[in-house]
Amino acid sequence: MAFQIVGSVGDTIDAVIREFPKTTTAAAASGNLMSETGAGLTRSTSTDTTAGATWFFGIAKSTQVAADTVVLAARLTSGMLLLADCTNNTATNQVGRRRPVTDHLTLNNTSIDSNANTAAFEIVAVVGAVDDRKALVKYLG
């Protein structure tokens, strides 16, 4: 699953889904966190930020091979709620913590709060059993 949008800002602003330019360096699958590079969207990495040379942009809503030049994506907006797969088992002491991503598929969840510019997601709640490794997160961009 990776990342799934579960709510927009106050549920008054719907996520805009449309085609965006994509780099031809990697494939994309529905649910991948995507970042803008200046040359198009690509799968996010742990070094991407909320602003800078490569920044978080949206969630892929289509599956594309590497050679494709566009991807259907939903644009992230500040305050948007997402269901995220996590790297580690989830725990209630992670709630309220700002965390970076591990990659385009998972949130790097720990109980340590991060104020680094890569920590673009705040854990709002643990979802399911701790070993399900899922959390409700808010985008802080």
N, C-alpha and C. Protein backbone atom coordinates (compact mmCIF):
# COMPACT_ATOMS: atom_id res chain seq x y z
N MET A 1 0.82 -1.19 0.00
CA MET A 1 0.00 0.00 0.00
C MET A 1 0.86 1.25 0.00
N ALA A 2 1.90 1.34 0.79
CA ALA A 2 2.77 2.51 0.90
C ALA A 2 2.03 3.67 1.57
N PHE A 3 1.59 4.67 0.81
CA PHE A 3 0.87 5.83 1.35
C PHE A 3 -0.51 5.91 0.71
N GLN A 4 -1.51 6.21 1.54
CA GLN A 4 -2.89 6.32 1.04
C GLN A 4 -3.53 7.55 1.67
N ILE A 5 -4.12 8.41 0.86
CA ILE A 5 -4.79 9.61 1.36
C ILE A 5 -6.09 9.19 2.04
N VAL A 6 -6.29 9.65 3.28
CA VAL A 6 -7.53 9.33 3.99
C VAL A 6 -8.33 10.58 4.34
N GLY A 7 -7.75 11.75 4.22
CA GLY A 7 -8.48 12.98 4.50
C GLY A 7 -7.73 14.18 4.01
N SER A 8 -8.48 15.17 3.52
CA SER A 8 -7.87 16.42 3.08
C SER A 8 -7.95 17.42 4.22
N VAL A 9 -7.49 18.61 3.97
CA VAL A 9 -7.45 19.65 4.99
C VAL A 9 -8.88 19.95 5.44
N GLY A 10 -9.21 19.53 6.65
CA GLY A 10 -10.56 19.76 7.17
C GLY A 10 -11.63 19.11 6.32
N ASP A 11 -11.21 18.23 5.42
CA ASP A 11 -12.12 17.59 4.46
C ASP A 11 -12.93 18.60 3.67
N THR A 12 -12.42 19.82 3.53
CA THR A 12 -13.10 20.83 2.72
C THR A 12 -12.39 21.05 1.40
N ILE A 13 -11.16 20.55 1.30
CA ILE A 13 -10.39 20.66 0.06
C ILE A 13 -10.09 19.25 -0.43
N ASP A 14 -10.64 18.89 -1.57
CA ASP A 14 -10.38 17.56 -2.12
C ASP A 14 -8.99 17.52 -2.74
N ALA A 15 -8.36 16.35 -2.64
CA ALA A 15 -7.07 16.15 -3.28
C ALA A 15 -7.24 16.23 -4.79
N VAL A 16 -6.40 17.03 -5.44
CA VAL A 16 -6.45 17.16 -6.89
C VAL A 16 -5.62 16.04 -7.50
N ILE A 17 -6.26 15.25 -8.35
CA ILE A 17 -5.56 14.15 -9.02
C ILE A 17 -5.50 14.48 -10.51
N ARG A 18 -4.29 14.54 -11.04
CA ARG A 18 -4.12 14.80 -12.47
C ARG A 18 -2.77 14.27 -12.92
N GLU A 19 -2.51 14.32 -14.22
CA GLU A 19 -1.22 13.88 -14.74
C GLU A 19 -0.16 14.95 -14.51
N PHE A 20 1.02 14.49 -14.08
CA PHE A 20 2.16 15.38 -13.89
C PHE A 20 3.34 14.78 -14.64
N PRO A 21 4.29 15.61 -15.10
CA PRO A 21 5.50 15.09 -15.74
C PRO A 21 6.27 14.19 -14.77
N LYS A 22 6.85 13.12 -15.30
CA LYS A 22 7.63 12.18 -14.50
C LYS A 22 9.00 12.01 -15.14
N THR A 23 10.04 11.91 -14.29
CA THR A 23 11.36 11.61 -14.83
C THR A 23 11.35 10.18 -15.34
N THR A 24 12.26 9.85 -16.20
CA THR A 24 12.30 8.50 -16.77
C THR A 24 13.37 7.65 -16.10
N THR A 25 13.72 7.99 -14.86
CA THR A 25 14.76 7.23 -14.16
C THR A 25 14.23 6.05 -13.37
N ALA A 26 12.93 6.05 -13.04
CA ALA A 26 12.38 4.96 -12.23
C ALA A 26 10.90 4.79 -12.50
N ALA A 27 10.42 3.60 -12.29
CA ALA A 27 8.99 3.31 -12.40
C ALA A 27 8.27 3.92 -11.19
N ALA A 28 6.97 3.96 -11.25
CA ALA A 28 6.15 4.44 -10.14
C ALA A 28 4.94 3.53 -10.00
N ALA A 29 4.52 3.29 -8.78
CA ALA A 29 3.34 2.46 -8.52
C ALA A 29 2.36 3.26 -7.68
N SER A 30 1.09 2.93 -7.79
CA SER A 30 0.07 3.59 -7.01
C SER A 30 0.40 3.48 -5.53
N GLY A 31 0.38 4.61 -4.82
CA GLY A 31 0.72 4.65 -3.40
C GLY A 31 2.13 5.12 -3.12
N ASN A 32 2.97 5.21 -4.16
CA ASN A 32 4.34 5.70 -3.96
C ASN A 32 4.30 7.18 -3.60
N LEU A 33 5.13 7.58 -2.64
CA LEU A 33 5.33 8.98 -2.34
C LEU A 33 6.24 9.53 -3.43
N MET A 34 5.83 10.63 -4.04
CA MET A 34 6.57 11.20 -5.16
C MET A 34 7.11 12.58 -4.78
N SER A 35 8.30 12.90 -5.31
CA SER A 35 8.93 14.20 -5.08
C SER A 35 9.21 14.88 -6.40
N GLU A 36 9.25 16.21 -6.35
CA GLU A 36 9.55 17.03 -7.53
C GLU A 36 11.04 17.31 -7.57
N THR A 37 11.63 17.13 -8.73
CA THR A 37 13.07 17.33 -8.89
C THR A 37 13.42 18.56 -9.71
N GLY A 38 12.43 19.19 -10.31
CA GLY A 38 12.68 20.27 -11.25
C GLY A 38 12.60 19.75 -12.67
N ALA A 39 12.79 18.43 -12.84
CA ALA A 39 12.70 17.79 -14.15
C ALA A 39 11.48 16.87 -14.22
N GLY A 40 10.66 16.88 -13.18
CA GLY A 40 9.49 16.01 -13.12
C GLY A 40 9.45 15.24 -11.81
N LEU A 41 8.43 14.44 -11.64
CA LEU A 41 8.27 13.67 -10.41
C LEU A 41 9.09 12.39 -10.45
N THR A 42 9.59 12.00 -9.28
CA THR A 42 10.31 10.75 -9.12
C THR A 42 9.96 10.20 -7.74
N ARG A 43 10.26 8.93 -7.50
CA ARG A 43 9.97 8.34 -6.19
C ARG A 43 10.79 9.04 -5.11
N SER A 44 10.17 9.29 -3.96
CA SER A 44 10.82 10.00 -2.87
C SER A 44 11.92 9.16 -2.21
N THR A 45 12.86 9.87 -1.58
CA THR A 45 13.94 9.22 -0.83
C THR A 45 14.01 9.85 0.56
N SER A 46 14.85 9.30 1.41
CA SER A 46 14.99 9.79 2.78
C SER A 46 15.61 11.18 2.87
N THR A 47 16.19 11.68 1.80
CA THR A 47 16.82 13.01 1.83
C THR A 47 15.92 14.11 1.29
N ASP A 48 14.73 13.76 0.82
CA ASP A 48 13.81 14.77 0.29
C ASP A 48 13.23 15.59 1.44
N THR A 49 12.79 16.81 1.12
CA THR A 49 12.34 17.76 2.14
C THR A 49 10.99 18.36 1.75
N THR A 50 10.50 19.28 2.60
CA THR A 50 9.26 19.99 2.28
C THR A 50 9.53 21.18 1.36
N ALA A 51 10.79 21.55 1.21
CA ALA A 51 11.20 22.63 0.30
C ALA A 51 12.67 22.43 0.00
N GLY A 52 13.07 22.71 -1.19
CA GLY A 52 14.47 22.54 -1.56
C GLY A 52 14.59 21.99 -2.96
N ALA A 53 15.75 21.45 -3.28
CA ALA A 53 16.03 20.96 -4.63
C ALA A 53 15.11 19.80 -5.01
N THR A 54 14.86 18.89 -4.07
CA THR A 54 13.94 17.78 -4.29
C THR A 54 12.96 17.77 -3.13
N TRP A 55 11.68 18.03 -3.42
CA TRP A 55 10.70 18.20 -2.35
C TRP A 55 9.48 17.32 -2.57
N PHE A 56 8.84 16.95 -1.44
CA PHE A 56 7.65 16.10 -1.49
C PHE A 56 6.55 16.78 -2.28
N PHE A 57 5.93 16.02 -3.17
CA PHE A 57 4.93 16.60 -4.06
C PHE A 57 3.57 15.93 -3.92
N GLY A 58 3.52 14.59 -3.96
CA GLY A 58 2.22 13.94 -3.95
C GLY A 58 2.31 12.43 -3.86
N ILE A 59 1.17 11.80 -4.05
CA ILE A 59 1.05 10.35 -3.99
C ILE A 59 0.66 9.85 -5.38
N ALA A 60 1.45 8.91 -5.91
CA ALA A 60 1.13 8.34 -7.23
C ALA A 60 -0.21 7.62 -7.17
N LYS A 61 -1.02 7.82 -8.19
CA LYS A 61 -2.32 7.16 -8.26
C LYS A 61 -2.41 6.25 -9.49
N SER A 62 -1.28 6.02 -10.13
CA SER A 62 -1.23 5.12 -11.28
C SER A 62 0.11 4.39 -11.26
N THR A 63 0.18 3.31 -11.99
CA THR A 63 1.44 2.56 -12.11
C THR A 63 2.04 2.86 -13.47
N GLN A 64 3.29 3.29 -13.47
CA GLN A 64 3.98 3.68 -14.70
C GLN A 64 5.34 2.99 -14.76
N VAL A 65 5.75 2.60 -15.96
CA VAL A 65 7.09 2.04 -16.13
C VAL A 65 8.10 3.19 -16.20
N ALA A 66 9.36 2.88 -16.05
CA ALA A 66 10.40 3.92 -16.01
C ALA A 66 10.39 4.82 -17.24
N ALA A 67 10.11 4.26 -18.41
CA ALA A 67 10.16 5.05 -19.65
C ALA A 67 8.99 6.02 -19.80
N ASP A 68 7.92 5.87 -19.02
CA ASP A 68 6.78 6.77 -19.11
C ASP A 68 7.18 8.18 -18.70
N THR A 69 6.55 9.17 -19.32
CA THR A 69 6.90 10.56 -19.06
C THR A 69 5.87 11.29 -18.21
N VAL A 70 4.77 10.63 -17.84
CA VAL A 70 3.76 11.22 -16.96
C VAL A 70 3.32 10.20 -15.92
N VAL A 71 2.79 10.71 -14.80
CA VAL A 71 2.23 9.87 -13.76
C VAL A 71 0.99 10.57 -13.21
N LEU A 72 -0.05 9.81 -12.95
CA LEU A 72 -1.24 10.33 -12.30
C LEU A 72 -0.93 10.44 -10.82
N ALA A 73 -1.12 11.63 -10.24
CA ALA A 73 -0.75 11.82 -8.83
C ALA A 73 -1.72 12.77 -8.14
N ALA A 74 -1.85 12.59 -6.83
CA ALA A 74 -2.62 13.50 -5.98
C ALA A 74 -1.64 14.42 -5.27
N ARG A 75 -1.82 15.69 -5.40
CA ARG A 75 -0.91 16.69 -4.81
C ARG A 75 -1.09 16.73 -3.29
N LEU A 76 0.01 16.71 -2.55
CA LEU A 76 -0.04 16.84 -1.09
C LEU A 76 -0.34 18.28 -0.71
N THR A 77 -1.14 18.46 0.34
CA THR A 77 -1.38 19.79 0.90
C THR A 77 -1.12 19.72 2.40
N SER A 78 -0.67 20.81 2.97
CA SER A 78 -0.36 20.85 4.39
C SER A 78 -1.58 20.47 5.21
N GLY A 79 -1.39 19.56 6.16
CA GLY A 79 -2.48 19.10 7.00
C GLY A 79 -3.19 17.86 6.49
N MET A 80 -2.85 17.42 5.27
CA MET A 80 -3.48 16.24 4.69
C MET A 80 -3.17 15.01 5.54
N LEU A 81 -4.17 14.15 5.73
CA LEU A 81 -4.00 12.91 6.49
C LEU A 81 -3.77 11.74 5.55
N LEU A 82 -2.80 10.90 5.92
CA LEU A 82 -2.47 9.74 5.11
C LEU A 82 -2.32 8.51 6.00
N LEU A 83 -2.62 7.36 5.46
CA LEU A 83 -2.30 6.09 6.10
C LEU A 83 -0.95 5.68 5.54
N ALA A 84 0.02 5.45 6.43
CA ALA A 84 1.39 5.17 5.97
C ALA A 84 1.88 3.83 6.48
N ASP A 85 2.54 3.09 5.60
CA ASP A 85 3.29 1.92 6.04
C ASP A 85 4.53 2.43 6.76
N CYS A 86 4.94 1.72 7.81
CA CYS A 86 6.07 2.16 8.63
C CYS A 86 7.22 1.15 8.58
N THR A 87 8.42 1.64 8.81
CA THR A 87 9.61 0.81 8.81
C THR A 87 9.63 -0.12 10.03
N ASN A 88 9.22 0.41 11.18
CA ASN A 88 9.27 -0.32 12.44
C ASN A 88 7.87 -0.60 12.97
N ASN A 89 7.77 -1.48 13.98
CA ASN A 89 6.50 -1.66 14.67
C ASN A 89 6.07 -0.31 15.24
N THR A 90 4.77 -0.05 15.27
CA THR A 90 4.28 1.22 15.78
C THR A 90 4.06 1.13 17.29
N ALA A 91 4.08 2.30 17.95
CA ALA A 91 3.87 2.38 19.39
C ALA A 91 3.25 3.73 19.72
N THR A 92 2.49 3.78 20.80
CA THR A 92 1.82 5.03 21.16
C THR A 92 2.80 6.14 21.51
N ASN A 93 4.04 5.82 21.92
CA ASN A 93 5.01 6.89 22.22
C ASN A 93 5.56 7.55 20.95
N GLN A 94 5.12 7.09 19.77
CA GLN A 94 5.50 7.73 18.52
C GLN A 94 4.49 8.81 18.10
N VAL A 95 3.31 8.80 18.71
CA VAL A 95 2.26 9.77 18.37
C VAL A 95 2.74 11.17 18.72
N GLY A 96 2.54 12.10 17.81
CA GLY A 96 2.98 13.48 17.99
C GLY A 96 4.40 13.74 17.54
N ARG A 97 5.09 12.72 17.09
CA ARG A 97 6.48 12.86 16.65
C ARG A 97 6.52 13.19 15.15
N ARG A 98 7.41 14.10 14.79
CA ARG A 98 7.65 14.43 13.38
C ARG A 98 8.73 13.50 12.87
N ARG A 99 8.48 12.86 11.72
CA ARG A 99 9.39 11.84 11.22
C ARG A 99 9.63 11.99 9.72
N PRO A 100 10.82 11.61 9.27
CA PRO A 100 11.10 11.55 7.83
C PRO A 100 10.63 10.22 7.24
N VAL A 101 10.75 10.09 5.94
CA VAL A 101 10.44 8.81 5.29
C VAL A 101 11.71 7.99 5.18
N THR A 102 11.54 6.68 5.08
CA THR A 102 12.67 5.80 4.80
C THR A 102 12.92 5.81 3.30
N ASP A 103 11.83 5.77 2.54
CA ASP A 103 11.87 5.78 1.08
C ASP A 103 10.47 6.10 0.57
N HIS A 104 10.20 5.83 -0.71
CA HIS A 104 8.90 6.14 -1.31
C HIS A 104 7.78 5.24 -0.81
N LEU A 105 8.12 4.22 -0.02
CA LEU A 105 7.13 3.25 0.46
C LEU A 105 6.82 3.35 1.95
N THR A 106 7.76 3.86 2.76
CA THR A 106 7.59 3.76 4.21
C THR A 106 8.02 5.01 4.97
N LEU A 107 7.36 5.21 6.12
CA LEU A 107 7.71 6.25 7.07
C LEU A 107 8.71 5.68 8.05
N ASN A 108 9.74 6.45 8.38
CA ASN A 108 10.76 6.03 9.34
C ASN A 108 10.27 6.40 10.74
N ASN A 109 9.51 5.51 11.35
CA ASN A 109 8.86 5.80 12.63
C ASN A 109 9.71 5.38 13.82
N THR A 110 9.92 6.33 14.74
CA THR A 110 10.56 6.05 16.03
C THR A 110 9.90 6.98 17.04
N SER A 111 10.29 6.86 18.30
CA SER A 111 9.72 7.73 19.34
C SER A 111 10.49 9.04 19.47
N ILE A 112 11.48 9.27 18.64
CA ILE A 112 12.28 10.50 18.68
C ILE A 112 11.67 11.52 17.74
N ASP A 113 11.44 12.73 18.26
CA ASP A 113 10.90 13.81 17.44
C ASP A 113 12.03 14.42 16.62
N SER A 114 11.77 14.71 15.37
CA SER A 114 12.79 15.30 14.49
C SER A 114 12.30 16.64 13.98
N ASN A 115 13.13 17.67 14.11
CA ASN A 115 12.78 18.97 13.53
C ASN A 115 13.58 19.23 12.26
N ALA A 116 14.21 18.19 11.72
CA ALA A 116 14.96 18.34 10.46
C ALA A 116 13.98 18.64 9.34
N ASN A 117 14.47 19.29 8.28
CA ASN A 117 13.57 19.63 7.18
C ASN A 117 13.12 18.41 6.38
N THR A 118 13.68 17.24 6.69
CA THR A 118 13.21 16.00 6.05
C THR A 118 12.02 15.39 6.80
N ALA A 119 11.75 15.85 8.02
CA ALA A 119 10.67 15.29 8.85
C ALA A 119 9.35 15.95 8.47
N ALA A 120 8.75 15.48 7.39
CA ALA A 120 7.58 16.12 6.81
C ALA A 120 6.26 15.53 7.28
N PHE A 121 6.30 14.51 8.14
CA PHE A 121 5.07 13.83 8.56
C PHE A 121 5.02 13.72 10.08
N GLU A 122 3.86 14.05 10.66
CA GLU A 122 3.65 13.89 12.09
C GLU A 122 2.74 12.68 12.31
N ILE A 123 3.16 11.79 13.20
CA ILE A 123 2.35 10.61 13.49
C ILE A 123 1.17 11.05 14.36
N VAL A 124 -0.04 10.78 13.89
CA VAL A 124 -1.27 11.18 14.58
C VAL A 124 -1.82 10.03 15.41
N ALA A 125 -1.74 8.80 14.88
CA ALA A 125 -2.29 7.64 15.59
C ALA A 125 -1.67 6.37 15.05
N VAL A 126 -1.61 5.36 15.93
CA VAL A 126 -1.22 4.01 15.53
C VAL A 126 -2.46 3.36 14.92
N VAL A 127 -2.30 2.63 13.83
CA VAL A 127 -3.42 1.97 13.17
C VAL A 127 -3.22 0.46 13.22
N GLY A 128 -4.20 -0.25 13.78
CA GLY A 128 -4.11 -1.71 13.86
C GLY A 128 -3.17 -2.16 14.96
N ALA A 129 -2.75 -3.41 14.86
CA ALA A 129 -1.80 -3.98 15.83
C ALA A 129 -0.42 -3.37 15.60
N VAL A 130 0.42 -3.36 16.63
CA VAL A 130 1.75 -2.74 16.51
C VAL A 130 2.58 -3.36 15.40
N ASP A 131 2.42 -4.68 15.20
CA ASP A 131 3.22 -5.33 14.15
C ASP A 131 2.60 -5.20 12.76
N ASP A 132 1.46 -4.48 12.67
CA ASP A 132 0.92 -4.15 11.34
C ASP A 132 1.77 -3.07 10.67
N ARG A 133 2.51 -2.32 11.49
CA ARG A 133 3.40 -1.26 11.01
C ARG A 133 2.67 -0.23 10.15
N LYS A 134 1.56 0.30 10.67
CA LYS A 134 0.79 1.33 9.97
C LYS A 134 0.48 2.48 10.94
N ALA A 135 0.49 3.68 10.39
CA ALA A 135 0.19 4.86 11.21
C ALA A 135 -0.61 5.87 10.39
N LEU A 136 -1.47 6.61 11.08
CA LEU A 136 -2.14 7.74 10.50
C LEU A 136 -1.18 8.91 10.67
N VAL A 137 -0.84 9.60 9.59
CA VAL A 137 0.12 10.70 9.65
C VAL A 137 -0.46 11.94 9.00
N LYS A 138 0.06 13.10 9.45
CA LYS A 138 -0.33 14.38 8.88
C LYS A 138 0.85 14.97 8.14
N TYR A 139 0.62 15.41 6.90
CA TYR A 139 1.68 16.05 6.11
C TYR A 139 1.88 17.47 6.62
N LEU A 140 3.13 17.84 6.90
CA LEU A 140 3.45 19.13 7.49
C LEU A 140 3.96 20.16 6.48
N GLY A 141 3.99 19.82 5.22
CA GLY A 141 4.57 20.70 4.20
C GLY A 141 3.87 22.00 4.02
